[in-house]
Structures are given as C-alpha cells and as structure tokens.
C-alpha atoms as a PDB file:
ATOM      1  CA  MET A   1       0.190   0.240  -0.223  1.00  0.00           C
ATOM      2  CA  SER A   2       1.500   3.406  -0.900  1.00  0.00           C
ATOM      3  CA  SER A   3       0.889   6.169   1.550  1.00  0.00           C
ATOM      4  CA  CYS A   4      -1.240   9.154  -0.076  1.00  0.00           C
ATOM      5  CA  LEU A   5      -2.311  12.113   1.668  1.00  0.00           C
ATOM      6  CA  MET A   6      -5.866  13.219   1.434  1.00  0.00           C
ATOM      7  CA  LYS A   7      -6.950  16.549   2.235  1.00  0.00           C
ATOM      8  CA  VAL A   8     -10.605  17.525   3.355  1.00  0.00           C
ATOM      9  CA  GLU A   9     -11.437  21.225   2.845  1.00  0.00           C
ATOM     10  CA  LYS A  10     -14.511  23.211   4.462  1.00  0.00           C
ATOM     11  CA  ARG A  11     -15.111  26.417   2.909  1.00  0.00           C
ATOM     12  CA  ILE A  12     -17.044  29.059   5.114  1.00  0.00           C
ATOM     13  CA  GLN A  13     -18.325  32.286   4.605  1.00  0.00           C
ATOM     14  CA  LYS A  14     -19.818  35.084   7.032  1.00  0.00           C
ATOM     15  CA  GLU A  15     -21.180  38.117   6.656  1.00  0.00           C
ATOM     16  CA  ILE A  16     -19.703  40.835   8.152  1.00  0.00           C
ATOM     17  CA  PRO A  17     -21.755  44.257   7.928  1.00  0.00           C
ATOM     18  CA  GLY A  18     -19.730  47.082   7.344  1.00  0.00           C
ATOM     19  CA  LEU A  19     -16.387  45.370   7.515  1.00  0.00           C
ATOM     20  CA  GLY A  20     -14.977  47.878   4.614  1.00  0.00           C
ATOM     21  CA  GLU A  21     -15.990  50.817   6.758  1.00  0.00           C
ATOM     22  CA  MET A  22     -14.366  49.622   9.846  1.00  0.00           C
ATOM     23  CA  ILE A  23     -11.091  48.768   7.941  1.00  0.00           C
ATOM     24  CA  ARG A  24     -11.378  52.633   6.597  1.00  0.00           C
ATOM     25  CA  ARG A  25     -11.696  54.030   9.717  1.00  0.00           C
ATOM     26  CA  ALA A  26      -8.832  52.011  11.546  1.00  0.00           C
ATOM     27  CA  ARG A  27      -6.593  52.988   8.411  1.00  0.00           C
ATOM     28  CA  LYS A  28      -7.621  56.890   9.206  1.00  0.00           C
ATOM     29  CA  ILE A  29      -6.856  56.583  12.473  1.00  0.00           C
ATOM     30  CA  ASP A  30      -3.585  55.159  11.981  1.00  0.00           C
ATOM     31  CA  ARG A  31      -0.834  57.763  10.914  1.00  0.00           C
ATOM     32  CA  ARG A  32       0.914  55.482   8.193  1.00  0.00           C
ATOM     33  CA  THR A  33       0.129  56.244   4.653  1.00  0.00           C
ATOM     34  CA  LEU A  34      -2.007  54.131   2.707  1.00  0.00           C
ATOM     35  CA  ALA A  35       0.936  52.926   0.634  1.00  0.00           C
ATOM     36  CA  GLU A  36       2.740  51.711   3.528  1.00  0.00           C
ATOM     37  CA  LEU A  37      -0.362  49.714   5.124  1.00  0.00           C
ATOM     38  CA  ALA A  38      -0.793  48.070   1.916  1.00  0.00           C
ATOM     39  CA  ASP A  39       2.978  47.176   1.527  1.00  0.00           C
ATOM     40  CA  LEU A  40       2.575  45.919   5.007  1.00  0.00           C
ATOM     41  CA  ALA A  41      -0.209  43.765   4.287  1.00  0.00           C
ATOM     42  CA  GLY A  42       1.368  42.623   1.013  1.00  0.00           C
ATOM     43  CA  MET A  43      -1.333  44.058  -1.394  1.00  0.00           C
ATOM     44  CA  SER A  44      -1.593  47.172  -3.365  1.00  0.00           C
ATOM     45  CA  VAL A  45      -3.228  50.408  -2.753  1.00  0.00           C
ATOM     46  CA  PRO A  46      -6.050  49.493  -5.531  1.00  0.00           C
ATOM     47  CA  ASN A  47      -6.830  46.081  -3.975  1.00  0.00           C
ATOM     48  CA  TRP A  48      -6.875  48.067  -0.590  1.00  0.00           C
ATOM     49  CA  TYR A  49      -9.273  50.474  -1.557  1.00  0.00           C
ATOM     50  CA  SER A  50     -11.393  47.812  -3.515  1.00  0.00           C
ATOM     51  CA  ILE A  51     -11.907  46.093   0.235  1.00  0.00           C
ATOM     52  CA  GLU A  52     -12.604  49.408   2.033  1.00  0.00           C
ATOM     53  CA  ASN A  53     -15.305  50.048  -0.729  1.00  0.00           C
ATOM     54  CA  GLU A  54     -16.502  46.412  -0.621  1.00  0.00           C
ATOM     55  CA  GLU A  55     -16.079  46.136  -4.071  1.00  0.00           C
ATOM     56  CA  MET A  56     -15.006  42.441  -3.403  1.00  0.00           C
ATOM     57  CA  LYS A  57     -17.549  40.089  -2.721  1.00  0.00           C
ATOM     58  CA  VAL A  58     -15.598  37.641  -0.647  1.00  0.00           C
ATOM     59  CA  LEU A  59     -12.594  38.718   1.231  1.00  0.00           C
ATOM     60  CA  PRO A  60     -10.029  35.519   2.128  1.00  0.00           C
ATOM     61  CA  LEU A  61      -9.514  35.304   5.868  1.00  0.00           C
ATOM     62  CA  THR A  62      -6.013  35.356   5.505  1.00  0.00           C
ATOM     63  CA  THR A  63      -5.946  38.830   3.714  1.00  0.00           C
ATOM     64  CA  LEU A  64      -8.245  40.268   6.406  1.00  0.00           C
ATOM     65  CA  ARG A  65      -5.608  38.951   8.879  1.00  0.00           C
ATOM     66  CA  ARG A  66      -2.817  40.472   7.101  1.00  0.00           C
ATOM     67  CA  ILE A  67      -4.934  44.022   7.161  1.00  0.00           C
ATOM     68  CA  GLU A  68      -5.424  43.463  10.979  1.00  0.00           C
ATOM     69  CA  ALA A  69      -1.591  43.072  11.260  1.00  0.00           C
ATOM     70  CA  ALA A  70      -0.879  45.992   9.507  1.00  0.00           C
ATOM     71  CA  LEU A  71      -3.140  48.204  11.235  1.00  0.00           C
ATOM     72  CA  GLY A  72      -2.630  46.553  14.523  1.00  0.00           C
ATOM     73  CA  VAL A  73      -6.039  45.878  15.080  1.00  0.00           C
ATOM     74  CA  SER A  74      -8.864  42.866  15.570  1.00  0.00           C
ATOM     75  CA  PHE A  75     -11.989  42.968  13.747  1.00  0.00           C
ATOM     76  CA  ASN A  76     -13.055  40.094  15.674  1.00  0.00           C
ATOM     77  CA  VAL A  77     -14.092  37.984  12.958  1.00  0.00           C
ATOM     78  CA  ALA A  78     -14.261  34.480  14.137  1.00  0.00           C
ATOM     79  CA  PHE A  79     -16.192  31.073  12.649  1.00  0.00           C
ATOM     80  CA  ASP A  80     -18.127  28.887  14.619  1.00  0.00           C
ATOM     81  CA  ASP A  81     -20.237  25.571  13.969  1.00  0.00           C
ATOM     82  CA  ASN A  82     -23.035  27.835  13.626  1.00  0.00           C
ATOM     83  CA  ASP A  83     -21.638  29.371  10.292  1.00  0.00           C
ATOM     84  CA  VAL A  84     -22.879  28.134   6.964  1.00  0.00           C
ATOM     85  CA  ASP A  85     -20.581  26.098   5.114  1.00  0.00           C
ATOM     86  CA  GLU A  86     -20.392  27.201   1.361  1.00  0.00           C
ATOM     87  CA  ALA A  87     -20.782  24.111  -0.122  1.00  0.00           C
ATOM     88  CA  GLU A  88     -23.751  23.042   1.985  1.00  0.00           C
ATOM     89  CA  GLU A  89     -25.533  26.529   1.468  1.00  0.00           C
ATOM     90  CA  GLU A  90     -25.027  25.697  -2.203  1.00  0.00           C
ATOM     91  CA  LYS A  91     -26.868  22.461  -2.098  1.00  0.00           C
ATOM     92  CA  GLN A  92     -29.906  23.879  -0.574  1.00  0.00           C
END
C-alpha cells in the first residue's frame, strides 16, 4: 500500500456588515500612509481600496488577518460551527 495524503476542505463564509468601513476608519486613525499599510499587508493600494469600498464580495480570511496585522487591530471576525458551510449552502 502506498501512503497518500488526502486533504479535506471546508469553506465557510460569514457576512460581516460594514467591514469595509471598519477597515477605512482604522486606516484613517493610523498615522501611516495607505501605501505603507498596503505594503505591510502584502497588497496593492487599489486592492486595499476595493476592500474598503466592499467591491470584493469575498475577502479571504488570510487577507483580513494581514490587514489587521498591518493596522495593529482586530476586527473580531471568528468562525464557529453555526456559520454556514459554502458547499452546504449551494446544495440547498
């Protein structure tokens, strides 16, 4: 028998009303430029703006965590068993 690795993925999405505005307010409180913050978060300035303006419909959690790290804040986004699994929602 060969030893193969199998991965299982669970994709969960959670609506966070006003997240873009919360990010914008935190950025304006921060004294650094948008270019500096975007660089710290590993993204472009236009990408950051698209997040603030909520033009992105799905924000990867890793991107949110990089924004939080750049700003030194937490937006308290957490997932639990009551959150909707994207694949299960598509079946319904």
